[in-house]
Protein backbone atom coordinates (compact mmCIF):
# COMPACT_ATOMS: atom_id res chain seq x y z
CA MET A 1 0.00 0.00 0.00
CA ASP A 2 1.38 3.40 -1.01
CA LEU A 3 0.74 5.64 1.98
CA SER A 4 2.51 8.57 0.36
CA GLN A 5 -0.74 9.27 -1.53
CA LYS A 6 -3.56 11.01 0.31
CA SER A 7 -6.73 8.97 -0.06
CA THR A 8 -9.76 7.90 1.91
CA GLU A 9 -8.64 4.30 1.52
CA ASN A 10 -5.24 5.06 3.04
CA VAL A 11 -6.83 6.87 5.99
CA GLU A 12 -9.11 3.87 6.57
CA PHE A 13 -6.17 1.47 6.33
CA MET A 14 -4.01 3.43 8.80
CA ILE A 15 -6.82 3.86 11.33
CA GLU A 16 -7.70 0.16 11.21
CA LYS A 17 -4.05 -0.87 11.63
CA ILE A 18 -3.57 1.55 14.55
CA LYS A 19 -6.69 0.14 16.24
CA GLU A 20 -5.48 -3.44 15.72
CA LYS A 21 -1.99 -2.73 17.04
CA LEU A 22 -3.21 -0.82 20.08
CA LYS A 23 -6.02 -3.32 20.72
CA VAL A 24 -8.52 -0.49 21.04
CA LEU A 25 -11.46 -1.75 23.09
CA ASN A 26 -13.96 0.89 22.03
CA MET A 27 -13.64 0.45 18.27
CA GLY A 28 -16.46 2.87 17.58
CA ALA A 29 -14.54 5.69 19.21
CA ILE A 30 -12.05 5.85 16.33
CA LYS A 31 -13.53 5.94 12.85
CA PRO A 32 -11.83 6.79 9.56
CA SER A 33 -14.63 9.26 8.84
CA HIS A 34 -13.37 11.36 11.78
CA PHE A 35 -10.25 12.27 9.81
CA ASP A 36 -9.70 14.27 6.65
CA GLY A 37 -6.89 15.07 4.25
CA GLU A 38 -5.84 18.17 6.16
CA MET A 39 -4.17 16.04 8.81
CA TYR A 40 -3.00 13.22 6.55
CA GLU A 41 0.74 13.66 7.16
CA GLU A 42 0.26 13.85 10.92
CA LEU A 43 -1.90 10.72 10.87
CA ARG A 44 0.74 8.94 8.82
CA ASP A 45 3.39 9.95 11.38
CA VAL A 46 1.29 8.45 14.18
CA TYR A 47 0.69 5.31 12.10
CA GLU A 48 4.41 4.85 11.39
CA MET A 49 5.35 5.34 15.03
CA VAL A 50 2.72 2.83 16.19
CA MET A 51 3.83 0.25 13.61
CA ARG A 52 7.49 0.53 14.71
CA LYS A 53 6.82 -0.36 18.34
CA ASN A 54 6.01 -3.78 19.73
CA SER A 55 4.39 -2.67 22.99
CA PHE A 56 3.08 0.49 24.61
CA SER A 57 3.01 1.76 28.16
CA PRO A 58 -0.26 3.13 29.54
CA ASN A 59 1.19 6.65 29.21
CA GLU A 60 2.08 6.04 25.56
CA MET A 61 -1.42 4.69 24.88
CA GLN A 62 -2.90 7.81 26.44
CA ALA A 63 -0.62 10.08 24.40
CA ILE A 64 -1.54 8.29 21.15
CA ALA A 65 -5.25 8.53 21.95
CA GLU A 66 -4.87 12.24 22.68
CA GLU A 67 -2.96 12.80 19.44
CA LEU A 68 -5.63 10.98 17.42
CA GLY A 69 -8.22 13.16 19.17
CA ASN A 70 -6.28 16.27 18.16
CA LEU A 71 -6.24 15.10 14.53
CA ARG A 72 -10.00 14.59 14.30
CA LYS A 73 -12.02 16.85 12.04
CA GLN A 74 -13.47 19.83 13.79
CA SER A 75 -17.27 19.74 13.61
């Protein structure tokens, strides 16, 4: 998958992979539709960081959740 290209499919892919890796319990809390192209590069940075690590401390999990919250579309 070529994540260098901004697309809805790539956003969906990255969000799903982040949720799988972090074992997000409340899957409905993070949806690809919450993100748009404006924050694509930042989302990709979070995705790449999550994919590089094998485990996460509770503090890291909190920081990642907060960052994803910051990247959400403003209603």
